[in-house]
Every structure is written in C-alpha cells, then in structure tokens.
Amino acid sequence: MSAAREMPPSASADDGQVHLRLYVAGQTPKSLAAIANLKRLCEEHLAGRYTIEVVDLQVTPQLAAGDQIVAVPTLIRRLPPPLRRVIGDLSNAERVLVGLDMLPRPSTP
C-alpha cells in the first residue's frame, strides 16, 4: 500500500484544498475500514477539494517519527493549518469532522 494521491508541490492553505495523510499498518480490517470511511467522508463533505495520502507503516516505518504517530490508524489534516489528527477507524463521521475542524461554518448575515 502506498500513497493514494500525493500532495501537489504548489499546494497552499489558500487554494481551498484539504490535504490528509492516513497512517495505517498493513491490510488489517481496521486499516481497510479507516481507508473506506475516509474516502466516503471526503466524497460527502469535500468533493473535489481533497487529497489523501495513505502511508503504510509496515512499508515505510520511518515516516511515523515525522508526524509523531503512536497509534494506527491515525489521520492527519496537513492543510489547511493547523495540523489536526484523529485516531481510529474513522467510523464516527461527526467525531472525525469535529476533530479535523471540517464542519461547515454557519454563514453570517
């Protein structure tokens, strides 16, 4: 398992894109559930405005240190800043959206 989609080098917080990195450990049921849940959430709430990078720590364990990964699956929102993280299989959509600060903001009149 490798990166699903890489973050474009020209990405910035101003382009409206959400860049996510999901750390997993192999093809476990929890890892596969986290990937499927993340893709579903992104399509429902961020259609066309996201990139997902899946990092399998069994293949590239050295990447865990950079983002201080202590449990898997762990999802990190890299852009827009600040970094946000959620640990688990991402099955609770509301918890994931709140944890990543991705809930839509109410419009002000």
PDB file of N, CA and C in Angstrom:
ATOM      1  N   MET A   1       0.858  -1.165   0.000  1.00  0.00           N
ATOM      2  CA  MET A   1       0.000   0.000   0.000  1.00  0.00           C
ATOM      3  C   MET A   1       0.900   1.222   0.000  1.00  0.00           C
ATOM      4  N   SER A   2       0.634   2.153  -0.849  1.00  0.00           N
ATOM      5  CA  SER A   2       1.439   3.360  -0.913  1.00  0.00           C
ATOM      6  C   SER A   2       0.500   4.558  -0.951  1.00  0.00           C
ATOM      7  N   ALA A   3       1.049   5.696  -1.283  1.00  0.00           N
ATOM      8  CA  ALA A   3       0.250   6.915  -1.296  1.00  0.00           C
ATOM      9  C   ALA A   3      -0.863   6.809  -2.328  1.00  0.00           C
ATOM     10  N   ALA A   4      -2.082   7.169  -1.897  1.00  0.00           N
ATOM     11  CA  ALA A   4      -3.212   7.156  -2.811  1.00  0.00           C
ATOM     12  C   ALA A   4      -3.082   8.294  -3.805  1.00  0.00           C
ATOM     13  N   ARG A   5      -2.808   9.470  -3.286  1.00  0.00           N
ATOM     14  CA  ARG A   5      -2.539  10.634  -4.127  1.00  0.00           C
ATOM     15  C   ARG A   5      -1.551  11.500  -3.371  1.00  0.00           C
ATOM     16  N   GLU A   6      -0.564  11.975  -4.069  1.00  0.00           N
ATOM     17  CA  GLU A   6       0.431  12.823  -3.432  1.00  0.00           C
ATOM     18  C   GLU A   6      -0.032  14.264  -3.395  1.00  0.00           C
ATOM     19  N   MET A   7       0.441  14.983  -2.398  1.00  0.00           N
ATOM     20  CA  MET A   7       0.138  16.396  -2.274  1.00  0.00           C
ATOM     21  C   MET A   7       0.897  17.161  -3.354  1.00  0.00           C
ATOM     22  N   PRO A   8       0.198  17.980  -4.134  1.00  0.00           N
ATOM     23  CA  PRO A   8       0.902  18.719  -5.172  1.00  0.00           C
ATOM     24  C   PRO A   8       1.897  19.694  -4.562  1.00  0.00           C
ATOM     25  N   PRO A   9       3.066  19.875  -5.199  1.00  0.00           N
ATOM     26  CA  PRO A   9       4.076  20.757  -4.629  1.00  0.00           C
ATOM     27  C   PRO A   9       3.609  22.193  -4.510  1.00  0.00           C
ATOM     28  N   SER A  10       2.654  22.618  -5.313  1.00  0.00           N
ATOM     29  CA  SER A  10       2.199  24.001  -5.284  1.00  0.00           C
ATOM     30  C   SER A  10       1.043  24.221  -4.312  1.00  0.00           C
ATOM     31  N   ALA A  11       0.709  23.205  -3.514  1.00  0.00           N
ATOM     32  CA  ALA A  11      -0.438  23.317  -2.602  1.00  0.00           C
ATOM     33  C   ALA A  11      -0.172  24.358  -1.533  1.00  0.00           C
ATOM     34  N   SER A  12      -1.218  25.079  -1.197  1.00  0.00           N
ATOM     35  CA  SER A  12      -1.125  26.063  -0.123  1.00  0.00           C
ATOM     36  C   SER A  12      -2.440  26.095   0.624  1.00  0.00           C
ATOM     37  N   ALA A  13      -2.442  26.747   1.770  1.00  0.00           N
ATOM     38  CA  ALA A  13      -3.650  26.830   2.582  1.00  0.00           C
ATOM     39  C   ALA A  13      -4.710  27.684   1.886  1.00  0.00           C
ATOM     40  N   ASP A  14      -4.312  28.492   0.908  1.00  0.00           N
ATOM     41  CA  ASP A  14      -5.251  29.404   0.260  1.00  0.00           C
ATOM     42  C   ASP A  14      -5.994  28.791  -0.918  1.00  0.00           C
ATOM     43  N   ASP A  15      -5.617  27.575  -1.345  1.00  0.00           N
ATOM     44  CA  ASP A  15      -6.242  27.018  -2.540  1.00  0.00           C
ATOM     45  C   ASP A  15      -7.551  26.293  -2.254  1.00  0.00           C
ATOM     46  N   GLY A  16      -7.990  26.247  -0.979  1.00  0.00           N
ATOM     47  CA  GLY A  16      -9.253  25.617  -0.630  1.00  0.00           C
ATOM     48  C   GLY A  16      -9.174  24.107  -0.530  1.00  0.00           C
ATOM     49  N   GLN A  17      -8.016  23.545  -0.780  1.00  0.00           N
ATOM     50  CA  GLN A  17      -7.833  22.105  -0.721  1.00  0.00           C
ATOM     51  C   GLN A  17      -7.575  21.655   0.711  1.00  0.00           C
ATOM     52  N   VAL A  18      -8.017  20.435   1.009  1.00  0.00           N
ATOM     53  CA  VAL A  18      -7.737  19.802   2.284  1.00  0.00           C
ATOM     54  C   VAL A  18      -6.818  18.627   1.986  1.00  0.00           C
ATOM     55  N   HIS A  19      -5.661  18.612   2.635  1.00  0.00           N
ATOM     56  CA  HIS A  19      -4.671  17.571   2.400  1.00  0.00           C
ATOM     57  C   HIS A  19      -4.605  16.684   3.628  1.00  0.00           C
ATOM     58  N   LEU A  20      -4.889  15.410   3.423  1.00  0.00           N
ATOM     59  CA  LEU A  20      -4.980  14.446   4.516  1.00  0.00           C
ATOM     60  C   LEU A  20      -3.946  13.345   4.340  1.00  0.00           C
ATOM     61  N   ARG A  21      -3.369  12.908   5.457  1.00  0.00           N
ATOM     62  CA  ARG A  21      -2.451  11.776   5.443  1.00  0.00           C
ATOM     63  C   ARG A  21      -2.975  10.754   6.450  1.00  0.00           C
ATOM     64  N   LEU A  22      -3.200   9.539   5.983  1.00  0.00           N
ATOM     65  CA  LEU A  22      -3.708   8.469   6.827  1.00  0.00           C
ATOM     66  C   LEU A  22      -2.611   7.433   7.027  1.00  0.00           C
ATOM     67  N   TYR A  23      -2.224   7.233   8.288  1.00  0.00           N
ATOM     68  CA  TYR A  23      -1.232   6.225   8.631  1.00  0.00           C
ATOM     69  C   TYR A  23      -1.948   4.936   8.998  1.00  0.00           C
ATOM     70  N   VAL A  24      -1.551   3.834   8.379  1.00  0.00           N
ATOM     71  CA  VAL A  24      -2.114   2.517   8.660  1.00  0.00           C
ATOM     72  C   VAL A  24      -0.952   1.533   8.833  1.00  0.00           C
ATOM     73  N   ALA A  25      -1.283   0.322   9.293  1.00  0.00           N
ATOM     74  CA  ALA A  25      -0.275  -0.723   9.441  1.00  0.00           C
ATOM     75  C   ALA A  25      -0.775  -1.974   8.731  1.00  0.00           C
ATOM     76  N   GLY A  26      -0.459  -2.079   7.471  1.00  0.00           N
ATOM     77  CA  GLY A  26      -0.837  -3.246   6.697  1.00  0.00           C
ATOM     78  C   GLY A  26      -2.292  -3.243   6.268  1.00  0.00           C
ATOM     79  N   GLN A  27      -2.764  -4.429   5.907  1.00  0.00           N
ATOM     80  CA  GLN A  27      -4.114  -4.603   5.370  1.00  0.00           C
ATOM     81  C   GLN A  27      -5.064  -5.154   6.442  1.00  0.00           C
ATOM     82  N   THR A  28      -4.971  -4.660   7.661  1.00  0.00           N
ATOM     83  CA  THR A  28      -5.838  -5.135   8.740  1.00  0.00           C
ATOM     84  C   THR A  28      -7.262  -4.646   8.512  1.00  0.00           C
ATOM     85  N   PRO A  29      -8.241  -5.312   9.120  1.00  0.00           N
ATOM     86  CA  PRO A  29      -9.626  -4.848   8.981  1.00  0.00           C
ATOM     87  C   PRO A  29      -9.805  -3.395   9.431  1.00  0.00           C
ATOM     88  N   LYS A  30      -9.112  -2.996  10.504  1.00  0.00           N
ATOM     89  CA  LYS A  30      -9.226  -1.619  10.988  1.00  0.00           C
ATOM     90  C   LYS A  30      -8.630  -0.626   9.983  1.00  0.00           C
ATOM     91  N   SER A  31      -7.507  -0.976   9.389  1.00  0.00           N
ATOM     92  CA  SER A  31      -6.879  -0.119   8.381  1.00  0.00           C
ATOM     93  C   SER A  31      -7.767   0.020   7.150  1.00  0.00           C
ATOM     94  N   LEU A  32      -8.294  -1.092   6.670  1.00  0.00           N
ATOM     95  CA  LEU A  32      -9.163  -1.060   5.491  1.00  0.00           C
ATOM     96  C   LEU A  32     -10.443  -0.278   5.771  1.00  0.00           C
ATOM     97  N   ALA A  33     -10.989  -0.427   6.979  1.00  0.00           N
ATOM     98  CA  ALA A  33     -12.186   0.335   7.351  1.00  0.00           C
ATOM     99  C   ALA A  33     -11.878   1.827   7.392  1.00  0.00           C
ATOM    100  N   ALA A  34     -10.711   2.197   7.941  1.00  0.00           N
ATOM    101  CA  ALA A  34     -10.344   3.617   8.014  1.00  0.00           C
ATOM    102  C   ALA A  34     -10.216   4.222   6.619  1.00  0.00           C
ATOM    103  N   ILE A  35      -9.618   3.488   5.695  1.00  0.00           N
ATOM    104  CA  ILE A  35      -9.463   3.987   4.321  1.00  0.00           C
ATOM    105  C   ILE A  35     -10.838   4.184   3.677  1.00  0.00           C
ATOM    106  N   ALA A  36     -11.696   3.184   3.799  1.00  0.00           N
ATOM    107  CA  ALA A  36     -13.031   3.277   3.195  1.00  0.00           C
ATOM    108  C   ALA A  36     -13.846   4.397   3.835  1.00  0.00           C
ATOM    109  N   ASN A  37     -13.798   4.506   5.166  1.00  0.00           N
ATOM    110  CA  ASN A  37     -14.543   5.560   5.857  1.00  0.00           C
ATOM    111  C   ASN A  37     -14.042   6.945   5.470  1.00  0.00           C
ATOM    112  N   LEU A  38     -12.730   7.099   5.345  1.00  0.00           N
ATOM    113  CA  LEU A  38     -12.164   8.391   4.973  1.00  0.00           C
ATOM    114  C   LEU A  38     -12.584   8.784   3.559  1.00  0.00           C
ATOM    115  N   LYS A  39     -12.512   7.853   2.627  1.00  0.00           N
ATOM    116  CA  LYS A  39     -12.908   8.162   1.250  1.00  0.00           C
ATOM    117  C   LYS A  39     -14.380   8.570   1.184  1.00  0.00           C
ATOM    118  N   ARG A  40     -15.229   7.861   1.928  1.00  0.00           N
ATOM    119  CA  ARG A  40     -16.662   8.188   1.954  1.00  0.00           C
ATOM    120  C   ARG A  40     -16.891   9.581   2.545  1.00  0.00           C
ATOM    121  N   LEU A  41     -16.242   9.880   3.671  1.00  0.00           N
ATOM    122  CA  LEU A  41     -16.395  11.198   4.302  1.00  0.00           C
ATOM    123  C   LEU A  41     -15.933  12.319   3.372  1.00  0.00           C
ATOM    124  N   CYS A  42     -14.801  12.096   2.732  1.00  0.00           N
ATOM    125  CA  CYS A  42     -14.269  13.128   1.832  1.00  0.00           C
ATOM    126  C   CYS A  42     -15.200  13.371   0.652  1.00  0.00           C
ATOM    127  N   GLU A  43     -15.735  12.315   0.068  1.00  0.00           N
ATOM    128  CA  GLU A  43     -16.654  12.492  -1.060  1.00  0.00           C
ATOM    129  C   GLU A  43     -17.930  13.207  -0.625  1.00  0.00           C
ATOM    130  N   GLU A  44     -18.411  12.920   0.583  1.00  0.00           N
ATOM    131  CA  GLU A  44     -19.638  13.548   1.061  1.00  0.00           C
ATOM    132  C   GLU A  44     -19.439  15.004   1.457  1.00  0.00           C
ATOM    133  N   HIS A  45     -18.293  15.334   2.032  1.00  0.00           N
ATOM    134  CA  HIS A  45     -18.109  16.661   2.622  1.00  0.00           C
ATOM    135  C   HIS A  45     -17.076  17.535   1.927  1.00  0.00           C
ATOM    136  N   LEU A  46     -16.209  16.953   1.103  1.00  0.00           N
ATOM    137  CA  LEU A  46     -15.128  17.725   0.475  1.00  0.00           C
ATOM    138  C   LEU A  46     -14.977  17.418  -1.009  1.00  0.00           C
ATOM    139  N   ALA A  47     -16.016  16.979  -1.649  1.00  0.00           N
ATOM    140  CA  ALA A  47     -15.933  16.524  -3.036  1.00  0.00           C
ATOM    141  C   ALA A  47     -15.106  17.464  -3.908  1.00  0.00           C
ATOM    142  N   GLY A  48     -14.048  16.913  -4.486  1.00  0.00           N
ATOM    143  CA  GLY A  48     -13.209  17.678  -5.404  1.00  0.00           C
ATOM    144  C   GLY A  48     -12.233  18.623  -4.727  1.00  0.00           C
ATOM    145  N   ARG A  49     -12.209  18.658  -3.398  1.00  0.00           N
ATOM    146  CA  ARG A  49     -11.344  19.615  -2.693  1.00  0.00           C
ATOM    147  C   ARG A  49     -10.383  18.924  -1.721  1.00  0.00           C
ATOM    148  N   TYR A  50      -9.994  17.698  -2.005  1.00  0.00           N
ATOM    149  CA  TYR A  50      -9.140  16.992  -1.058  1.00  0.00           C
ATOM    150  C   TYR A  50      -8.134  16.106  -1.780  1.00  0.00           C
ATOM    151  N   THR A  51      -7.052  15.811  -1.060  1.00  0.00           N
ATOM    152  CA  THR A  51      -6.118  14.779  -1.465  1.00  0.00           C
ATOM    153  C   THR A  51      -5.895  13.888  -0.244  1.00  0.00           C
ATOM    154  N   ILE A  52      -5.735  12.609  -0.504  1.00  0.00           N
ATOM    155  CA  ILE A  52      -5.480  11.636   0.551  1.00  0.00           C
ATOM    156  C   ILE A  52      -4.169  10.943   0.237  1.00  0.00           C
ATOM    157  N   GLU A  53      -3.301  10.885   1.227  1.00  0.00           N
ATOM    158  CA  GLU A  53      -2.068  10.121   1.127  1.00  0.00           C
ATOM    159  C   GLU A  53      -2.168   9.019   2.182  1.00  0.00           C
ATOM    160  N   VAL A  54      -2.081   7.777   1.754  1.00  0.00           N
ATOM    161  CA  VAL A  54      -2.122   6.645   2.679  1.00  0.00           C
ATOM    162  C   VAL A  54      -0.692   6.157   2.869  1.00  0.00           C
ATOM    163  N   VAL A  55      -0.253   6.115   4.122  1.00  0.00           N
ATOM    164  CA  VAL A  55       1.096   5.670   4.449  1.00  0.00           C
ATOM    165  C   VAL A  55       0.997   4.373   5.237  1.00  0.00           C
ATOM    166  N   ASP A  56       1.537   3.293   4.682  1.00  0.00           N
ATOM    167  CA  ASP A  56       1.569   2.000   5.354  1.00  0.00           C
ATOM    168  C   ASP A  56       2.872   1.926   6.138  1.00  0.00           C
ATOM    169  N   LEU A  57       2.769   1.922   7.456  1.00  0.00           N
ATOM    170  CA  LEU A  57       3.963   1.931   8.295  1.00  0.00           C
ATOM    171  C   LEU A  57       4.705   0.602   8.289  1.00  0.00           C
ATOM    172  N   GLN A  58       4.101  -0.446   7.741  1.00  0.00           N
ATOM    173  CA  GLN A  58       4.843  -1.692   7.564  1.00  0.00           C
ATOM    174  C   GLN A  58       5.801  -1.583   6.380  1.00  0.00           C
ATOM    175  N   VAL A  59       5.496  -0.683   5.462  1.00  0.00           N
ATOM    176  CA  VAL A  59       6.349  -0.471   4.290  1.00  0.00           C
ATOM    177  C   VAL A  59       7.357   0.643   4.560  1.00  0.00           C
ATOM    178  N   THR A  60       6.904   1.743   5.165  1.00  0.00           N
ATOM    179  CA  THR A  60       7.768   2.897   5.425  1.00  0.00           C
ATOM    180  C   THR A  60       7.638   3.336   6.883  1.00  0.00           C
ATOM    181  N   PRO A  61       8.178   2.561   7.823  1.00  0.00           N
ATOM    182  CA  PRO A  61       8.032   2.898   9.249  1.00  0.00           C
ATOM    183  C   PRO A  61       8.729   4.185   9.653  1.00  0.00           C
ATOM    184  N   GLN A  62       9.731   4.614   8.901  1.00  0.00           N
ATOM    185  CA  GLN A  62      10.460   5.826   9.245  1.00  0.00           C
ATOM    186  C   GLN A  62       9.579   7.073   9.170  1.00  0.00           C
ATOM    187  N   LEU A  63       8.478   7.024   8.435  1.00  0.00           N
ATOM    188  CA  LEU A  63       7.600   8.191   8.317  1.00  0.00           C
ATOM    189  C   LEU A  63       6.804   8.451   9.594  1.00  0.00           C
ATOM    190  N   ALA A  64       6.718   7.486  10.485  1.00  0.00           N
ATOM    191  CA  ALA A  64       5.945   7.650  11.717  1.00  0.00           C
ATOM    192  C   ALA A  64       6.551   8.712  12.624  1.00  0.00           C
ATOM    193  N   ALA A  65       7.849   8.827  12.656  1.00  0.00           N
ATOM    194  CA  ALA A  65       8.505   9.773  13.553  1.00  0.00           C
ATOM    195  C   ALA A  65       8.198  11.219  13.193  1.00  0.00           C
ATOM    196  N   GLY A  66       8.133  11.531  11.915  1.00  0.00           N
ATOM    197  CA  GLY A  66       7.900  12.904  11.477  1.00  0.00           C
ATOM    198  C   GLY A  66       6.586  13.481  11.961  1.00  0.00           C
ATOM    199  N   ASP A  67       5.542  12.676  11.992  1.00  0.00           N
ATOM    200  CA  ASP A  67       4.234  13.140  12.456  1.00  0.00           C
ATOM    201  C   ASP A  67       3.896  12.609  13.847  1.00  0.00           C
ATOM    202  N   GLN A  68       4.887  12.056  14.537  1.00  0.00           N
ATOM    203  CA  GLN A  68       4.729  11.563  15.907  1.00  0.00           C
ATOM    204  C   GLN A  68       3.550  10.596  16.038  1.00  0.00           C
ATOM    205  N   ILE A  69       3.550   9.567  15.215  1.00  0.00           N
ATOM    206  CA  ILE A  69       2.481   8.576  15.206  1.00  0.00           C
ATOM    207  C   ILE A  69       2.742   7.558  16.309  1.00  0.00           C
ATOM    208  N   VAL A  70       1.764   7.389  17.200  1.00  0.00           N
ATOM    209  CA  VAL A  70       1.887   6.429  18.289  1.00  0.00           C
ATOM    210  C   VAL A  70       0.827   5.335  18.205  1.00  0.00           C
ATOM    211  N   ALA A  71      -0.177   5.509  17.361  1.00  0.00           N
ATOM    212  CA  ALA A  71      -1.239   4.517  17.183  1.00  0.00           C
ATOM    213  C   ALA A  71      -1.705   4.577  15.735  1.00  0.00           C
ATOM    214  N   VAL A  72      -2.219   3.452  15.244  1.00  0.00           N
ATOM    215  CA  VAL A  72      -2.765   3.430  13.892  1.00  0.00           C
ATOM    216  C   VAL A  72      -4.131   2.770  13.928  1.00  0.00           C
ATOM    217  N   PRO A  73      -5.014   3.142  13.039  1.00  0.00           N
ATOM    218  CA  PRO A  73      -4.878   4.198  12.045  1.00  0.00           C
ATOM    219  C   PRO A  73      -4.922   5.594  12.683  1.00  0.00           C
ATOM    220  N   THR A  74      -4.137   6.498  12.134  1.00  0.00           N
ATOM    221  CA  THR A  74      -4.138   7.908  12.523  1.00  0.00           C
ATOM    222  C   THR A  74      -4.286   8.746  11.270  1.00  0.00           C
ATOM    223  N   LEU A  75      -5.229   9.676  11.321  1.00  0.00           N
ATOM    224  CA  LEU A  75      -5.463  10.609  10.213  1.00  0.00           C
ATOM    225  C   LEU A  75      -4.958  11.982  10.618  1.00  0.00           C
ATOM    226  N   ILE A  76      -4.192  12.605   9.731  1.00  0.00           N
ATOM    227  CA  ILE A  76      -3.682  13.950   9.981  1.00  0.00           C
ATOM    228  C   ILE A  76      -4.135  14.865   8.856  1.00  0.00           C
ATOM    229  N   ARG A  77      -4.738  15.989   9.234  1.00  0.00           N
ATOM    230  CA  ARG A  77      -5.039  17.037   8.254  1.00  0.00           C
ATOM    231  C   ARG A  77      -3.823  17.937   8.218  1.00  0.00           C
ATOM    232  N   ARG A  78      -3.119  17.912   7.092  1.00  0.00           N
ATOM    233  CA  ARG A  78      -1.881  18.684   6.946  1.00  0.00           C
ATOM    234  C   ARG A  78      -2.148  20.107   6.475  1.00  0.00           C
ATOM    235  N   LEU A  79      -3.107  20.276   5.586  1.00  0.00           N
ATOM    236  CA  LEU A  79      -3.512  21.610   5.122  1.00  0.00           C
ATOM    237  C   LEU A  79      -5.022  21.656   5.117  1.00  0.00           C
ATOM    238  N   PRO A  80      -5.650  22.742   5.432  1.00  0.00           N
ATOM    239  CA  PRO A  80      -5.048  23.997   5.891  1.00  0.00           C
ATOM    240  C   PRO A  80      -4.570  23.882   7.335  1.00  0.00           C
ATOM    241  N   PRO A  81      -3.604  24.732   7.715  1.00  0.00           N
ATOM    242  CA  PRO A  81      -3.098  24.720   9.085  1.00  0.00           C
ATOM    243  C   PRO A  81      -4.200  25.132  10.059  1.00  0.00           C
ATOM    244  N   PRO A  82      -4.085  24.792  11.303  1.00  0.00           N
ATOM    245  CA  PRO A  82      -3.049  23.994  11.937  1.00  0.00           C
ATOM    246  C   PRO A  82      -3.287  22.509  11.706  1.00  0.00           C
ATOM    247  N   LEU A  83      -2.235  21.713  11.967  1.00  0.00           N
ATOM    248  CA  LEU A  83      -2.358  20.264  11.870  1.00  0.00           C
ATOM    249  C   LEU A  83      -3.444  19.786  12.820  1.00  0.00           C
ATOM    250  N   ARG A  84      -4.251  18.843  12.363  1.00  0.00           N
ATOM    251  CA  ARG A  84      -5.270  18.204  13.207  1.00  0.00           C
ATOM    252  C   ARG A  84      -5.108  16.713  13.043  1.00  0.00           C
ATOM    253  N   ARG A  85      -5.448  15.940  14.091  1.00  0.00           N
ATOM    254  CA  ARG A  85      -5.322  14.487  13.986  1.00  0.00           C
ATOM    255  C   ARG A  85      -6.481  13.787  14.664  1.00  0.00           C
ATOM    256  N   VAL A  86      -6.813  12.617  14.110  1.00  0.00           N
ATOM    257  CA  VAL A  86      -7.863  11.752  14.641  1.00  0.00           C
ATOM    258  C   VAL A  86      -7.318  10.330  14.601  1.00  0.00           C
ATOM    259  N   ILE A  87      -7.499   9.606  15.701  1.00  0.00           N
ATOM    260  CA  ILE A  87      -7.029   8.229  15.787  1.00  0.00           C
ATOM    261  C   ILE A  87      -8.234   7.300  15.775  1.00  0.00           C
ATOM    262  N   GLY A  88      -8.146   6.206  15.023  1.00  0.00           N
ATOM    263  CA  GLY A  88      -9.208   5.207  14.994  1.00  0.00           C
ATOM    264  C   GLY A  88      -9.615   4.871  13.580  1.00  0.00           C
ATOM    265  N   ASP A  89     -10.700   4.092  13.456  1.00  0.00           N
ATOM    266  CA  ASP A  89     -11.119   3.625  12.134  1.00  0.00           C
ATOM    267  C   ASP A  89     -12.006   4.618  11.381  1.00  0.00           C
ATOM    268  N   LEU A  90     -12.230   5.798  11.964  1.00  0.00           N
ATOM    269  CA  LEU A  90     -12.950   6.903  11.323  1.00  0.00           C
ATOM    270  C   LEU A  90     -14.412   6.564  11.045  1.00  0.00           C
ATOM    271  N   SER A  91     -14.985   5.644  11.819  1.00  0.00           N
ATOM    272  CA  SER A  91     -16.366   5.234  11.594  1.00  0.00           C
ATOM    273  C   SER A  91     -17.373   6.234  12.135  1.00  0.00           C
ATOM    274  N   ASN A  92     -16.973   7.072  13.095  1.00  0.00           N
ATOM    275  CA  ASN A  92     -17.865   8.085  13.644  1.00  0.00           C
ATOM    276  C   ASN A  92     -17.641   9.387  12.868  1.00  0.00           C
ATOM    277  N   ALA A  93     -18.477   9.614  11.867  1.00  0.00           N
ATOM    278  CA  ALA A  93     -18.287  10.748  10.956  1.00  0.00           C
ATOM    279  C   ALA A  93     -18.258  12.075  11.694  1.00  0.00           C
ATOM    280  N   GLU A  94     -19.162  12.265  12.636  1.00  0.00           N
ATOM    281  CA  GLU A  94     -19.211  13.547  13.344  1.00  0.00           C
ATOM    282  C   GLU A  94     -17.932  13.784  14.135  1.00  0.00           C
ATOM    283  N   ARG A  95     -17.429  12.749  14.794  1.00  0.00           N
ATOM    284  CA  ARG A  95     -16.191  12.888  15.564  1.00  0.00           C
ATOM    285  C   ARG A  95     -15.017  13.229  14.657  1.00  0.00           C
ATOM    286  N   VAL A  96     -14.969  12.622  13.488  1.00  0.00           N
ATOM    287  CA  VAL A  96     -13.890  12.903  12.536  1.00  0.00           C
ATOM    288  C   VAL A  96     -13.992  14.345  12.041  1.00  0.00           C
ATOM    289  N   LEU A  97     -15.182  14.765  11.657  1.00  0.00           N
ATOM    290  CA  LEU A  97     -15.367  16.125  11.142  1.00  0.00           C
ATOM    291  C   LEU A  97     -15.051  17.172  12.200  1.00  0.00           C
ATOM    292  N   VAL A  98     -15.462  16.929  13.434  1.00  0.00           N
ATOM    293  CA  VAL A  98     -15.157  17.864  14.526  1.00  0.00           C
ATOM    294  C   VAL A  98     -13.656  17.845  14.815  1.00  0.00           C
ATOM    295  N   GLY A  99     -13.078  16.643  14.893  1.00  0.00           N
ATOM    296  CA  GLY A  99     -11.659  16.518  15.196  1.00  0.00           C
ATOM    297  C   GLY A  99     -10.758  17.180  14.165  1.00  0.00           C
ATOM    298  N   LEU A 100     -11.178  17.157  12.927  1.00  0.00           N
ATOM    299  CA  LEU A 100     -10.390  17.776  11.857  1.00  0.00           C
ATOM    300  C   LEU A 100     -10.820  19.204  11.568  1.00  0.00           C
ATOM    301  N   ASP A 101     -11.796  19.693  12.320  1.00  0.00           N
ATOM    302  CA  ASP A 101     -12.343  21.036  12.127  1.00  0.00           C
ATOM    303  C   ASP A 101     -12.804  21.217  10.683  1.00  0.00           C
ATOM    304  N   MET A 102     -13.611  20.249  10.208  1.00  0.00           N
ATOM    305  CA  MET A 102     -14.082  20.278   8.825  1.00  0.00           C
ATOM    306  C   MET A 102     -15.588  20.470   8.724  1.00  0.00           C
ATOM    307  N   LEU A 103     -16.247  20.783   9.829  1.00  0.00           N
ATOM    308  CA  LEU A 103     -17.674  21.046   9.759  1.00  0.00           C
ATOM    309  C   LEU A 103     -17.908  22.370   9.052  1.00  0.00           C
ATOM    310  N   PRO A 104     -18.956  22.481   8.257  1.00  0.00           N
ATOM    311  CA  PRO A 104     -19.225  23.744   7.570  1.00  0.00           C
ATOM    312  C   PRO A 104     -19.513  24.853   8.582  1.00  0.00           C
ATOM    313  N   ARG A 105     -19.006  25.990   8.304  1.00  0.00           N
ATOM    314  CA  ARG A 105     -19.226  27.155   9.159  1.00  0.00           C
ATOM    315  C   ARG A 105     -20.575  27.774   8.846  1.00  0.00           C
ATOM    316  N   PRO A 106     -21.360  28.135   9.869  1.00  0.00           N
ATOM    317  CA  PRO A 106     -22.626  28.812   9.582  1.00  0.00           C
ATOM    318  C   PRO A 106     -22.369  30.181   8.940  1.00  0.00           C
ATOM    319  N   SER A 107     -23.170  30.519   7.964  1.00  0.00           N
ATOM    320  CA  SER A 107     -22.973  31.818   7.305  1.00  0.00           C
ATOM    321  C   SER A 107     -23.542  32.924   8.191  1.00  0.00           C
ATOM    322  N   THR A 108     -22.859  34.045   8.183  1.00  0.00           N
ATOM    323  CA  THR A 108     -23.329  35.181   8.977  1.00  0.00           C
ATOM    324  C   THR A 108     -24.064  36.151   8.075  1.00  0.00           C
ATOM    325  N   PRO A 109     -25.217  36.643   8.550  1.00  0.00           N
ATOM    326  CA  PRO A 109     -25.995  37.567   7.705  1.00  0.00           C
ATOM    327  C   PRO A 109     -25.362  38.921   7.560  1.00  0.00           C
TER     328      PRO A 109
END
